[in-house]
Amino acid sequence: MPTAPRRGDTPPPRTGSSEAEVLRGFLDYLRTSMAAKFDGAPEPQVRTAQVPSGTNLLGLLNHLTFVERAIFLGEKVTDWQATFHAAPEDGVADVVARYRATVERANAALDQCTDDLGEPVPRPRPGRAAPSVRWALTHMIEETGRHAGHADILRELIDGTTGR
């Protein structure tokens, strides 16, 4: 396996003192870390399973895009397992751009929220109550952090690249 230069780690953010500022700061930090895993990532290795479970690097980012859309924008996902695979015609740049655009839309929805994190996320989803902003932010921090850790390992297996 080729050894790539190690990127420097970016320390966690020093955000404001409110709960919302801290949660959003950490979520954005993880989102940025996740997207950075794709800088210079080679095709087709990004979509090739590197572990027995079939997990692949590009599929992780594709999945996180769907989770962001579901949690913050109210979009319905009928097959979560399918979200772990990018379409064959989607390259790295396509999936990263879609993720970043979704994050922007999610942040715009969060910008509409009040300071009360117990209020529901303002998303349309007939027949299903929206989670609280606190729950949504906490869940996305957990989900993004978990998959960012997977991405760290998968990227290192692909070409030796490490760091945030």
N, C-alpha and C. Protein backbone atom coordinates (compact mmCIF):
# COMPACT_ATOMS: atom_id res chain seq x y z
N MET A 1 0.85 -1.17 0.00
CA MET A 1 0.00 0.00 0.00
C MET A 1 0.90 1.24 0.00
N PRO A 2 0.60 2.21 -0.90
CA PRO A 2 1.41 3.43 -0.91
C PRO A 2 1.19 4.23 0.36
N THR A 3 2.21 4.94 0.76
CA THR A 3 2.10 5.77 1.95
C THR A 3 1.97 7.23 1.53
N ALA A 4 0.87 7.85 1.90
CA ALA A 4 0.62 9.25 1.58
C ALA A 4 1.11 10.11 2.74
N PRO A 5 1.40 11.35 2.45
CA PRO A 5 1.79 12.23 3.55
C PRO A 5 0.64 12.40 4.53
N ARG A 6 0.99 12.52 5.77
CA ARG A 6 -0.01 12.70 6.81
C ARG A 6 -0.46 14.16 6.83
N ARG A 7 -1.77 14.35 6.76
CA ARG A 7 -2.32 15.70 6.90
C ARG A 7 -2.35 16.04 8.38
N GLY A 8 -2.21 17.30 8.68
CA GLY A 8 -2.30 17.72 10.06
C GLY A 8 -3.73 17.62 10.59
N ASP A 9 -3.86 17.29 11.83
CA ASP A 9 -5.18 17.24 12.44
C ASP A 9 -5.65 18.66 12.76
N THR A 10 -6.92 18.88 12.58
CA THR A 10 -7.55 20.15 12.93
C THR A 10 -8.20 19.96 14.29
N PRO A 11 -7.88 20.78 15.26
CA PRO A 11 -8.46 20.60 16.60
C PRO A 11 -9.95 20.94 16.61
N PRO A 12 -10.68 20.44 17.59
CA PRO A 12 -12.10 20.76 17.71
C PRO A 12 -12.30 22.27 17.83
N PRO A 13 -13.47 22.74 17.42
CA PRO A 13 -13.71 24.19 17.40
C PRO A 13 -13.88 24.78 18.80
N ARG A 14 -13.54 26.03 18.90
CA ARG A 14 -13.85 26.83 20.10
C ARG A 14 -15.04 27.67 19.69
N THR A 15 -16.22 27.20 20.03
CA THR A 15 -17.44 27.89 19.61
C THR A 15 -17.94 28.79 20.73
N GLY A 16 -19.07 29.41 20.48
CA GLY A 16 -19.69 30.27 21.49
C GLY A 16 -20.07 29.48 22.72
N SER A 17 -20.68 30.16 23.66
CA SER A 17 -20.99 29.52 24.93
C SER A 17 -22.38 28.92 25.01
N SER A 18 -23.27 29.23 24.06
CA SER A 18 -24.61 28.66 24.14
C SER A 18 -24.60 27.21 23.68
N GLU A 19 -25.57 26.46 24.13
CA GLU A 19 -25.68 25.05 23.75
C GLU A 19 -25.81 24.91 22.23
N ALA A 20 -26.60 25.76 21.62
CA ALA A 20 -26.79 25.69 20.16
C ALA A 20 -25.49 25.97 19.43
N GLU A 21 -24.73 26.95 19.87
CA GLU A 21 -23.46 27.29 19.21
C GLU A 21 -22.45 26.14 19.34
N VAL A 22 -22.43 25.51 20.49
CA VAL A 22 -21.50 24.39 20.70
C VAL A 22 -21.90 23.20 19.82
N LEU A 23 -23.18 22.84 19.83
CA LEU A 23 -23.63 21.70 19.04
C LEU A 23 -23.44 21.94 17.55
N ARG A 24 -23.83 23.10 17.07
CA ARG A 24 -23.66 23.40 15.65
C ARG A 24 -22.19 23.50 15.27
N GLY A 25 -21.37 24.03 16.15
CA GLY A 25 -19.94 24.11 15.88
C GLY A 25 -19.30 22.75 15.73
N PHE A 26 -19.66 21.83 16.62
CA PHE A 26 -19.10 20.48 16.52
C PHE A 26 -19.64 19.74 15.31
N LEU A 27 -20.91 19.93 14.98
CA LEU A 27 -21.45 19.27 13.79
C LEU A 27 -20.75 19.78 12.54
N ASP A 28 -20.58 21.08 12.42
CA ASP A 28 -19.89 21.62 11.24
C ASP A 28 -18.44 21.15 11.17
N TYR A 29 -17.79 21.04 12.31
CA TYR A 29 -16.43 20.53 12.37
C TYR A 29 -16.36 19.10 11.82
N LEU A 30 -17.30 18.26 12.23
CA LEU A 30 -17.32 16.88 11.76
C LEU A 30 -17.67 16.80 10.28
N ARG A 31 -18.61 17.65 9.84
CA ARG A 31 -18.97 17.68 8.42
C ARG A 31 -17.75 18.04 7.57
N THR A 32 -17.01 19.04 8.00
CA THR A 32 -15.81 19.47 7.26
C THR A 32 -14.77 18.36 7.25
N SER A 33 -14.60 17.69 8.39
CA SER A 33 -13.64 16.58 8.47
C SER A 33 -14.04 15.46 7.53
N MET A 34 -15.34 15.17 7.47
CA MET A 34 -15.82 14.10 6.61
C MET A 34 -15.57 14.43 5.14
N ALA A 35 -15.91 15.62 4.72
CA ALA A 35 -15.71 16.01 3.32
C ALA A 35 -14.23 16.02 2.95
N ALA A 36 -13.37 16.37 3.90
CA ALA A 36 -11.92 16.42 3.65
C ALA A 36 -11.34 15.04 3.34
N LYS A 37 -12.00 13.99 3.77
CA LYS A 37 -11.51 12.64 3.51
C LYS A 37 -11.48 12.33 2.01
N PHE A 38 -12.14 13.16 1.20
CA PHE A 38 -12.25 12.90 -0.23
C PHE A 38 -11.27 13.71 -1.06
N ASP A 39 -10.50 14.59 -0.42
CA ASP A 39 -9.50 15.37 -1.15
C ASP A 39 -8.48 14.42 -1.76
N GLY A 40 -8.43 14.37 -3.08
CA GLY A 40 -7.47 13.52 -3.78
C GLY A 40 -7.78 12.03 -3.72
N ALA A 41 -8.99 11.67 -3.29
CA ALA A 41 -9.34 10.25 -3.18
C ALA A 41 -9.47 9.63 -4.58
N PRO A 42 -8.83 8.49 -4.79
CA PRO A 42 -8.82 7.89 -6.13
C PRO A 42 -10.06 7.05 -6.45
N GLU A 43 -10.47 7.16 -7.72
CA GLU A 43 -11.48 6.25 -8.27
C GLU A 43 -10.73 5.04 -8.81
N PRO A 44 -11.22 3.86 -8.82
CA PRO A 44 -12.50 3.42 -8.29
C PRO A 44 -12.43 2.99 -6.82
N GLN A 45 -11.26 3.17 -6.19
CA GLN A 45 -11.08 2.68 -4.83
C GLN A 45 -12.09 3.28 -3.84
N VAL A 46 -12.54 4.51 -4.07
CA VAL A 46 -13.48 5.14 -3.14
C VAL A 46 -14.82 4.42 -3.09
N ARG A 47 -15.14 3.67 -4.13
CA ARG A 47 -16.41 2.95 -4.14
C ARG A 47 -16.24 1.43 -3.99
N THR A 48 -15.01 1.02 -3.77
CA THR A 48 -14.71 -0.39 -3.59
C THR A 48 -14.75 -0.74 -2.11
N ALA A 49 -15.45 -1.83 -1.79
CA ALA A 49 -15.52 -2.28 -0.40
C ALA A 49 -14.12 -2.62 0.10
N GLN A 50 -13.76 -2.05 1.24
CA GLN A 50 -12.44 -2.29 1.84
C GLN A 50 -12.51 -3.24 3.03
N VAL A 51 -13.74 -3.56 3.44
CA VAL A 51 -13.95 -4.43 4.61
C VAL A 51 -15.06 -5.43 4.27
N PRO A 52 -15.12 -6.55 5.01
CA PRO A 52 -16.10 -7.58 4.70
C PRO A 52 -17.57 -7.12 4.71
N SER A 53 -17.88 -6.07 5.45
CA SER A 53 -19.28 -5.61 5.51
C SER A 53 -19.72 -4.97 4.20
N GLY A 54 -18.77 -4.65 3.31
CA GLY A 54 -19.10 -4.00 2.05
C GLY A 54 -19.05 -2.49 2.10
N THR A 55 -18.69 -1.95 3.24
CA THR A 55 -18.62 -0.49 3.39
C THR A 55 -17.56 0.09 2.49
N ASN A 56 -17.91 1.19 1.83
CA ASN A 56 -16.95 1.88 0.98
C ASN A 56 -17.00 3.38 1.29
N LEU A 57 -15.92 4.06 0.99
CA LEU A 57 -15.76 5.46 1.37
C LEU A 57 -16.83 6.35 0.74
N LEU A 58 -17.05 6.24 -0.55
CA LEU A 58 -18.03 7.10 -1.22
C LEU A 58 -19.45 6.83 -0.71
N GLY A 59 -19.73 5.58 -0.42
CA GLY A 59 -21.05 5.22 0.11
C GLY A 59 -21.32 5.87 1.46
N LEU A 60 -20.30 6.02 2.28
CA LEU A 60 -20.50 6.67 3.59
C LEU A 60 -20.96 8.11 3.43
N LEU A 61 -20.33 8.84 2.51
CA LEU A 61 -20.73 10.23 2.31
C LEU A 61 -22.10 10.32 1.67
N ASN A 62 -22.39 9.43 0.76
CA ASN A 62 -23.72 9.38 0.16
C ASN A 62 -24.77 9.15 1.25
N HIS A 63 -24.51 8.21 2.14
CA HIS A 63 -25.43 7.91 3.24
C HIS A 63 -25.64 9.14 4.13
N LEU A 64 -24.56 9.81 4.50
CA LEU A 64 -24.70 11.00 5.36
C LEU A 64 -25.52 12.09 4.70
N THR A 65 -25.45 12.19 3.38
CA THR A 65 -26.27 13.16 2.66
C THR A 65 -27.75 12.85 2.88
N PHE A 66 -28.11 11.59 2.78
CA PHE A 66 -29.50 11.19 2.99
C PHE A 66 -29.94 11.40 4.44
N VAL A 67 -29.05 11.14 5.39
CA VAL A 67 -29.40 11.34 6.80
C VAL A 67 -29.65 12.82 7.07
N GLU A 68 -28.79 13.68 6.57
CA GLU A 68 -28.99 15.14 6.73
C GLU A 68 -30.34 15.56 6.15
N ARG A 69 -30.65 15.06 4.97
CA ARG A 69 -31.92 15.41 4.32
C ARG A 69 -33.11 14.93 5.13
N ALA A 70 -33.00 13.74 5.67
CA ALA A 70 -34.12 13.19 6.44
C ALA A 70 -34.32 13.94 7.75
N ILE A 71 -33.24 14.17 8.48
CA ILE A 71 -33.34 14.79 9.81
C ILE A 71 -33.71 16.26 9.74
N PHE A 72 -33.02 17.02 8.90
CA PHE A 72 -33.21 18.47 8.89
C PHE A 72 -34.19 18.98 7.84
N LEU A 73 -34.38 18.21 6.77
CA LEU A 73 -35.22 18.70 5.68
C LEU A 73 -36.51 17.90 5.52
N GLY A 74 -36.65 16.82 6.29
CA GLY A 74 -37.88 16.05 6.30
C GLY A 74 -38.07 15.13 5.11
N GLU A 75 -37.02 14.88 4.34
CA GLU A 75 -37.16 13.99 3.19
C GLU A 75 -37.28 12.54 3.65
N LYS A 76 -38.14 11.81 3.00
CA LYS A 76 -38.39 10.41 3.35
C LYS A 76 -37.38 9.51 2.65
N VAL A 77 -36.85 8.56 3.39
CA VAL A 77 -35.94 7.56 2.84
C VAL A 77 -36.62 6.21 3.01
N THR A 78 -36.78 5.49 1.93
CA THR A 78 -37.48 4.21 2.01
C THR A 78 -36.54 3.02 2.12
N ASP A 79 -35.29 3.18 1.70
CA ASP A 79 -34.33 2.08 1.76
C ASP A 79 -32.98 2.60 2.26
N TRP A 80 -32.80 2.58 3.58
CA TRP A 80 -31.57 3.12 4.15
C TRP A 80 -30.34 2.35 3.69
N GLN A 81 -30.46 1.05 3.50
CA GLN A 81 -29.30 0.26 3.07
C GLN A 81 -28.80 0.72 1.71
N ALA A 82 -29.72 1.11 0.83
CA ALA A 82 -29.33 1.57 -0.51
C ALA A 82 -28.56 2.88 -0.46
N THR A 83 -28.73 3.66 0.59
CA THR A 83 -28.03 4.95 0.67
C THR A 83 -26.53 4.79 0.88
N PHE A 84 -26.09 3.59 1.22
CA PHE A 84 -24.66 3.35 1.44
C PHE A 84 -23.89 3.10 0.14
N HIS A 85 -24.54 3.29 -0.99
CA HIS A 85 -23.88 3.11 -2.28
C HIS A 85 -24.22 4.28 -3.18
N ALA A 86 -23.19 4.94 -3.71
CA ALA A 86 -23.39 6.02 -4.67
C ALA A 86 -23.74 5.40 -6.02
N ALA A 87 -24.47 6.15 -6.83
CA ALA A 87 -24.81 5.69 -8.17
C ALA A 87 -23.53 5.52 -8.99
N PRO A 88 -23.49 4.53 -9.88
CA PRO A 88 -22.28 4.28 -10.67
C PRO A 88 -21.80 5.50 -11.46
N GLU A 89 -22.72 6.35 -11.88
CA GLU A 89 -22.33 7.53 -12.66
C GLU A 89 -21.85 8.70 -11.80
N ASP A 90 -22.00 8.60 -10.49
CA ASP A 90 -21.57 9.67 -9.59
C ASP A 90 -20.11 9.51 -9.21
N GLY A 91 -19.32 10.52 -9.54
CA GLY A 91 -17.92 10.52 -9.15
C GLY A 91 -17.76 11.18 -7.78
N VAL A 92 -16.54 11.23 -7.32
CA VAL A 92 -16.24 11.83 -6.02
C VAL A 92 -16.75 13.27 -5.97
N ALA A 93 -16.44 14.06 -6.99
CA ALA A 93 -16.84 15.47 -6.99
C ALA A 93 -18.35 15.62 -6.91
N ASP A 94 -19.10 14.74 -7.57
CA ASP A 94 -20.56 14.81 -7.54
C ASP A 94 -21.11 14.56 -6.13
N VAL A 95 -20.61 13.52 -5.50
CA VAL A 95 -21.12 13.16 -4.17
C VAL A 95 -20.72 14.20 -3.13
N VAL A 96 -19.49 14.70 -3.22
CA VAL A 96 -19.05 15.74 -2.28
C VAL A 96 -19.87 17.01 -2.49
N ALA A 97 -20.11 17.41 -3.73
CA ALA A 97 -20.90 18.61 -4.00
C ALA A 97 -22.33 18.46 -3.48
N ARG A 98 -22.91 17.29 -3.66
CA ARG A 98 -24.27 17.04 -3.17
C ARG A 98 -24.31 17.10 -1.64
N TYR A 99 -23.29 16.54 -1.01
CA TYR A 99 -23.21 16.59 0.46
C TYR A 99 -23.12 18.03 0.94
N ARG A 100 -22.21 18.80 0.34
CA ARG A 100 -22.03 20.19 0.76
C ARG A 100 -23.29 21.02 0.52
N ALA A 101 -23.98 20.79 -0.58
CA ALA A 101 -25.23 21.51 -0.86
C ALA A 101 -26.30 21.14 0.16
N THR A 102 -26.34 19.87 0.54
CA THR A 102 -27.31 19.43 1.54
C THR A 102 -27.00 20.04 2.90
N VAL A 103 -25.73 20.11 3.26
CA VAL A 103 -25.32 20.74 4.53
C VAL A 103 -25.74 22.21 4.53
N GLU A 104 -25.57 22.90 3.42
CA GLU A 104 -26.00 24.30 3.34
C GLU A 104 -27.51 24.43 3.55
N ARG A 105 -28.27 23.55 2.92
CA ARG A 105 -29.73 23.57 3.09
C ARG A 105 -30.11 23.24 4.54
N ALA A 106 -29.43 22.27 5.14
CA ALA A 106 -29.70 21.91 6.53
C ALA A 106 -29.39 23.07 7.46
N ASN A 107 -28.26 23.74 7.22
CA ASN A 107 -27.90 24.90 8.05
C ASN A 107 -28.90 26.03 7.88
N ALA A 108 -29.41 26.22 6.68
CA ALA A 108 -30.43 27.26 6.46
C ALA A 108 -31.69 26.93 7.25
N ALA A 109 -32.06 25.64 7.31
CA ALA A 109 -33.22 25.24 8.11
C ALA A 109 -32.94 25.48 9.59
N LEU A 110 -31.74 25.17 10.05
CA LEU A 110 -31.38 25.39 11.45
C LEU A 110 -31.35 26.87 11.80
N ASP A 111 -30.97 27.70 10.83
CA ASP A 111 -30.94 29.15 11.07
C ASP A 111 -32.34 29.70 11.37
N GLN A 112 -33.37 28.99 10.95
CA GLN A 112 -34.75 29.41 11.19
C GLN A 112 -35.23 29.04 12.60
N CYS A 113 -34.46 28.25 13.31
CA CYS A 113 -34.87 27.77 14.63
C CYS A 113 -34.74 28.87 15.68
N THR A 114 -35.56 28.73 16.69
CA THR A 114 -35.47 29.64 17.83
C THR A 114 -34.31 29.20 18.72
N ASP A 115 -34.06 29.94 19.78
CA ASP A 115 -33.01 29.57 20.73
C ASP A 115 -33.40 28.39 21.60
N ASP A 116 -34.67 28.02 21.58
CA ASP A 116 -35.16 26.90 22.39
C ASP A 116 -34.90 25.60 21.65
N LEU A 117 -33.88 24.87 22.06
CA LEU A 117 -33.52 23.62 21.39
C LEU A 117 -34.53 22.50 21.61
N GLY A 118 -35.49 22.73 22.50
CA GLY A 118 -36.55 21.76 22.71
C GLY A 118 -37.65 21.85 21.66
N GLU A 119 -37.63 22.91 20.87
CA GLU A 119 -38.62 23.07 19.79
C GLU A 119 -38.31 22.09 18.67
N PRO A 120 -39.33 21.73 17.87
CA PRO A 120 -39.07 20.80 16.76
C PRO A 120 -38.31 21.46 15.62
N VAL A 121 -37.59 20.64 14.88
CA VAL A 121 -36.91 21.09 13.67
C VAL A 121 -38.00 21.54 12.69
N PRO A 122 -37.85 22.71 12.07
CA PRO A 122 -38.88 23.20 11.16
C PRO A 122 -38.80 22.54 9.79
N ARG A 123 -39.32 21.33 9.70
CA ARG A 123 -39.26 20.60 8.43
C ARG A 123 -40.64 20.04 8.09
N PRO A 124 -40.96 20.03 6.83
CA PRO A 124 -42.24 19.45 6.43
C PRO A 124 -42.17 17.93 6.40
N ARG A 125 -43.07 17.30 7.05
CA ARG A 125 -43.17 15.83 6.99
C ARG A 125 -44.56 15.45 7.50
N PRO A 126 -45.55 15.51 6.62
CA PRO A 126 -46.92 15.21 7.04
C PRO A 126 -47.04 13.86 7.74
N GLY A 127 -47.76 13.86 8.83
CA GLY A 127 -48.02 12.62 9.56
C GLY A 127 -46.90 12.15 10.46
N ARG A 128 -45.82 12.88 10.55
CA ARG A 128 -44.71 12.46 11.41
C ARG A 128 -44.14 13.68 12.11
N ALA A 129 -44.14 13.63 13.42
CA ALA A 129 -43.63 14.75 14.20
C ALA A 129 -42.13 14.91 13.99
N ALA A 130 -41.69 16.15 13.92
CA ALA A 130 -40.26 16.43 13.78
C ALA A 130 -39.58 16.28 15.14
N PRO A 131 -38.33 15.84 15.16
CA PRO A 131 -37.60 15.76 16.43
C PRO A 131 -37.24 17.15 16.92
N SER A 132 -36.86 17.23 18.18
CA SER A 132 -36.40 18.52 18.70
C SER A 132 -35.08 18.88 18.03
N VAL A 133 -34.79 20.16 18.00
CA VAL A 133 -33.52 20.62 17.43
C VAL A 133 -32.36 19.99 18.20
N ARG A 134 -32.46 19.90 19.52
CA ARG A 134 -31.40 19.30 20.35
C ARG A 134 -31.15 17.85 19.93
N TRP A 135 -32.23 17.08 19.78
CA TRP A 135 -32.10 15.67 19.39
C TRP A 135 -31.49 15.57 18.00
N ALA A 136 -31.97 16.40 17.06
CA ALA A 136 -31.49 16.34 15.69
C ALA A 136 -30.00 16.66 15.62
N LEU A 137 -29.57 17.72 16.31
CA LEU A 137 -28.15 18.07 16.31
C LEU A 137 -27.31 16.98 16.96
N THR A 138 -27.76 16.46 18.09
CA THR A 138 -27.01 15.42 18.79
C THR A 138 -26.92 14.16 17.94
N HIS A 139 -28.02 13.78 17.31
CA HIS A 139 -28.02 12.60 16.45
C HIS A 139 -27.06 12.78 15.27
N MET A 140 -27.07 13.96 14.65
CA MET A 140 -26.20 14.17 13.51
C MET A 140 -24.73 14.23 13.92
N ILE A 141 -24.44 14.73 15.11
CA ILE A 141 -23.06 14.69 15.61
C ILE A 141 -22.62 13.24 15.77
N GLU A 142 -23.47 12.43 16.37
CA GLU A 142 -23.15 11.01 16.58
C GLU A 142 -23.00 10.30 15.25
N GLU A 143 -23.94 10.49 14.35
CA GLU A 143 -23.93 9.80 13.06
C GLU A 143 -22.72 10.22 12.22
N THR A 144 -22.47 11.52 12.14
CA THR A 144 -21.35 12.02 11.34
C THR A 144 -20.02 11.61 11.97
N GLY A 145 -19.91 11.70 13.29
CA GLY A 145 -18.67 11.30 13.96
C GLY A 145 -18.36 9.83 13.78
N ARG A 146 -19.37 9.00 13.87
CA ARG A 146 -19.18 7.55 13.71
C ARG A 146 -18.69 7.24 12.30
N HIS A 147 -19.36 7.84 11.31
CA HIS A 147 -18.97 7.56 9.93
C HIS A 147 -17.66 8.25 9.54
N ALA A 148 -17.34 9.36 10.18
CA ALA A 148 -16.03 9.99 9.93
C ALA A 148 -14.92 9.07 10.42
N GLY A 149 -15.14 8.38 11.52
CA GLY A 149 -14.16 7.40 12.00
C GLY A 149 -14.00 6.25 11.02
N HIS A 150 -15.13 5.76 10.49
CA HIS A 150 -15.06 4.72 9.46
C HIS A 150 -14.27 5.24 8.25
N ALA A 151 -14.58 6.48 7.85
CA ALA A 151 -13.91 7.07 6.68
C ALA A 151 -12.41 7.20 6.91
N ASP A 152 -12.00 7.53 8.13
CA ASP A 152 -10.57 7.61 8.44
C ASP A 152 -9.88 6.28 8.11
N ILE A 153 -10.47 5.21 8.56
CA ILE A 153 -9.87 3.89 8.36
C ILE A 153 -9.91 3.50 6.89
N LEU A 154 -11.05 3.71 6.23
CA LEU A 154 -11.16 3.34 4.82
C LEU A 154 -10.18 4.12 3.95
N ARG A 155 -10.04 5.40 4.21
CA ARG A 155 -9.10 6.21 3.40
C ARG A 155 -7.68 5.73 3.61
N GLU A 156 -7.32 5.42 4.84
CA GLU A 156 -5.97 4.92 5.08
C GLU A 156 -5.73 3.59 4.37
N LEU A 157 -6.75 2.73 4.33
CA LEU A 157 -6.62 1.45 3.62
C LEU A 157 -6.47 1.67 2.11
N ILE A 158 -7.09 2.72 1.58
CA ILE A 158 -7.03 2.99 0.14
C ILE A 158 -5.65 3.44 -0.29
N ASP A 159 -5.13 4.49 0.37
CA ASP A 159 -3.86 5.05 -0.10
C ASP A 159 -2.93 5.57 1.00
N GLY A 160 -3.24 5.21 2.23
CA GLY A 160 -2.36 5.59 3.33
C GLY A 160 -2.60 6.98 3.87
N THR A 161 -3.55 7.74 3.31
CA THR A 161 -3.81 9.09 3.76
C THR A 161 -4.45 9.07 5.15
N THR A 162 -3.90 9.86 6.05
CA THR A 162 -4.44 9.97 7.40
C THR A 162 -4.58 11.45 7.78
N GLY A 163 -5.21 11.69 8.89
CA GLY A 163 -5.38 13.06 9.41
C GLY A 163 -6.74 13.63 9.04
N ARG A 164 -7.08 14.73 9.73
CA ARG A 164 -8.36 15.37 9.49
C ARG A 164 -8.22 16.49 8.51
